[in-house]
Amino acid sequence: MGLTIDVLAKKTGARVLVRGRARSTEINDFHASDRMSDLLGRVSDTTMLITPLLTVSVVRLIELMDVPGVCLVNNAEPGQVLLDTAQEHRTTLLVSPFDMEETCRRFRAALGLDT
């Protein structure tokens, strides 16, 4: 059983910057990487992507793939282009105050993937 992005954000301490499809999309899994090629291979309609990347590659990923949500780490401050692209493509954009390891730990616990 997955969690909506809003509930997932609340349980993990992440801020919602762009709401996207948060009210209806359930997230069942996540994938974290600082390599765009790894993220591309993991896109699904129920997977949250976690990354420290703030490059134009994340914008392209959102534009080309049906990404329900991207969570940036380390209190990242995305640029306006990334915010606008997420809004346009209804992709939820979260920001975690934690590093990637702690963010993953919190997502794993929230989604019940520790068992």
Protein backbone atom coordinates (compact mmCIF):
# COMPACT_ATOMS: atom_id res chain seq x y z
CA MET A 1 0.00 0.00 0.00
CA GLY A 2 1.44 3.35 -1.03
CA LEU A 3 1.19 6.82 0.42
CA THR A 4 0.08 10.00 -1.28
CA ILE A 5 2.90 12.43 -1.81
CA ASP A 6 1.40 14.85 0.72
CA VAL A 7 1.37 12.18 3.45
CA LEU A 8 4.85 11.02 2.48
CA ALA A 9 6.18 14.56 2.71
CA LYS A 10 4.67 15.01 6.15
CA LYS A 11 6.06 11.70 7.44
CA THR A 12 9.56 12.39 6.13
CA GLY A 13 9.88 16.06 7.05
CA ALA A 14 10.09 17.24 3.43
CA ARG A 15 8.62 20.54 2.24
CA VAL A 16 6.30 20.59 -0.77
CA LEU A 17 7.44 23.29 -3.21
CA VAL A 18 5.23 22.28 -6.14
CA ARG A 19 2.08 20.30 -5.44
CA GLY A 20 1.71 18.46 -8.76
CA ARG A 21 -0.49 15.36 -8.52
CA ALA A 22 0.09 14.94 -4.77
CA ARG A 23 -3.53 14.52 -3.82
CA SER A 24 -4.15 11.51 -6.05
CA THR A 25 -0.82 9.79 -6.75
CA GLU A 26 0.30 7.03 -4.42
CA ILE A 27 4.00 6.38 -4.03
CA ASN A 28 5.02 2.76 -3.43
CA ASP A 29 8.79 3.04 -3.81
CA PHE A 30 11.62 5.49 -4.26
CA HIS A 31 14.97 5.58 -5.98
CA ALA A 32 17.86 7.84 -5.03
CA SER A 33 20.90 8.75 -7.08
CA ASP A 34 23.19 11.58 -8.02
CA ARG A 35 23.50 10.14 -11.54
CA MET A 36 20.87 11.05 -14.10
CA SER A 37 21.24 7.73 -15.94
CA ASP A 38 20.32 5.84 -12.75
CA LEU A 39 17.25 8.01 -12.22
CA LEU A 40 16.06 7.57 -15.81
CA GLY A 41 16.07 3.81 -15.42
CA ARG A 42 13.86 3.96 -12.33
CA VAL A 43 11.06 6.26 -13.43
CA SER A 44 7.59 4.83 -12.87
CA ASP A 45 4.22 6.30 -12.05
CA THR A 46 4.53 5.24 -8.38
CA THR A 47 8.22 5.92 -7.69
CA MET A 48 9.57 9.06 -6.03
CA LEU A 49 13.01 10.09 -7.24
CA ILE A 50 15.45 11.48 -4.66
CA THR A 51 18.46 13.45 -5.83
CA PRO A 52 20.88 16.24 -4.94
CA LEU A 53 20.96 17.33 -8.59
CA LEU A 54 19.71 20.80 -9.46
CA THR A 55 20.87 20.79 -13.07
CA VAL A 56 18.96 21.23 -16.28
CA SER A 57 19.02 17.41 -16.52
CA VAL A 58 16.35 17.21 -13.81
CA VAL A 59 14.25 19.64 -15.85
CA ARG A 60 14.65 17.40 -18.91
CA LEU A 61 13.81 14.29 -16.87
CA ILE A 62 10.55 15.91 -15.75
CA GLU A 63 9.76 17.04 -19.30
CA LEU A 64 10.42 13.67 -20.93
CA MET A 65 9.20 11.16 -18.35
CA ASP A 66 5.99 10.79 -16.37
CA VAL A 67 7.61 11.50 -13.01
CA PRO A 68 5.11 11.83 -10.13
CA GLY A 69 7.63 13.47 -7.83
CA VAL A 70 11.21 14.51 -7.24
CA CYS A 71 12.66 15.11 -3.80
CA LEU A 72 15.74 17.30 -3.58
CA VAL A 73 17.99 16.92 -0.53
CA ASN A 74 20.07 19.14 1.77
CA ASN A 75 17.53 21.98 1.78
CA ALA A 76 18.32 22.60 -1.88
CA GLU A 77 17.02 25.79 -3.43
CA PRO A 78 15.84 24.95 -6.96
CA GLY A 79 15.94 27.62 -9.62
CA GLN A 80 12.83 29.11 -11.17
CA VAL A 81 13.17 27.01 -14.33
CA LEU A 82 12.97 23.78 -12.31
CA LEU A 83 10.01 25.09 -10.29
CA ASP A 84 8.17 26.20 -13.44
CA THR A 85 8.86 22.92 -15.24
CA ALA A 86 7.60 20.87 -12.30
CA GLN A 87 4.45 23.00 -12.16
CA GLU A 88 3.83 22.75 -15.89
CA HIS A 89 4.21 18.96 -15.92
CA ARG A 90 2.31 18.44 -12.65
CA THR A 91 5.36 16.88 -11.03
CA THR A 92 5.49 17.30 -7.28
CA LEU A 93 8.73 18.85 -6.09
CA LEU A 94 9.80 18.23 -2.51
CA VAL A 95 12.83 19.44 -0.57
CA SER A 96 14.20 17.43 2.32
CA PRO A 97 16.24 19.17 5.02
CA PHE A 98 18.37 16.02 5.32
CA ASP A 99 21.21 14.53 3.28
CA MET A 100 20.44 11.76 0.80
CA GLU A 101 21.17 8.92 3.22
CA GLU A 102 18.87 10.25 5.95
CA THR A 103 16.19 11.17 3.42
CA CYS A 104 16.24 7.61 2.07
CA ARG A 105 16.06 6.21 5.60
CA ARG A 106 12.96 8.32 6.29
CA PHE A 107 11.29 7.38 2.98
CA ARG A 108 12.01 3.69 3.60
CA ALA A 109 10.43 3.87 7.07
CA ALA A 110 7.42 5.89 5.91
CA LEU A 111 6.70 3.48 3.05
CA GLY A 112 7.15 0.43 5.30
CA LEU A 113 10.05 -0.87 3.23
CA ASP A 114 12.19 -1.72 6.29
CA THR A 115 10.45 -5.00 6.87
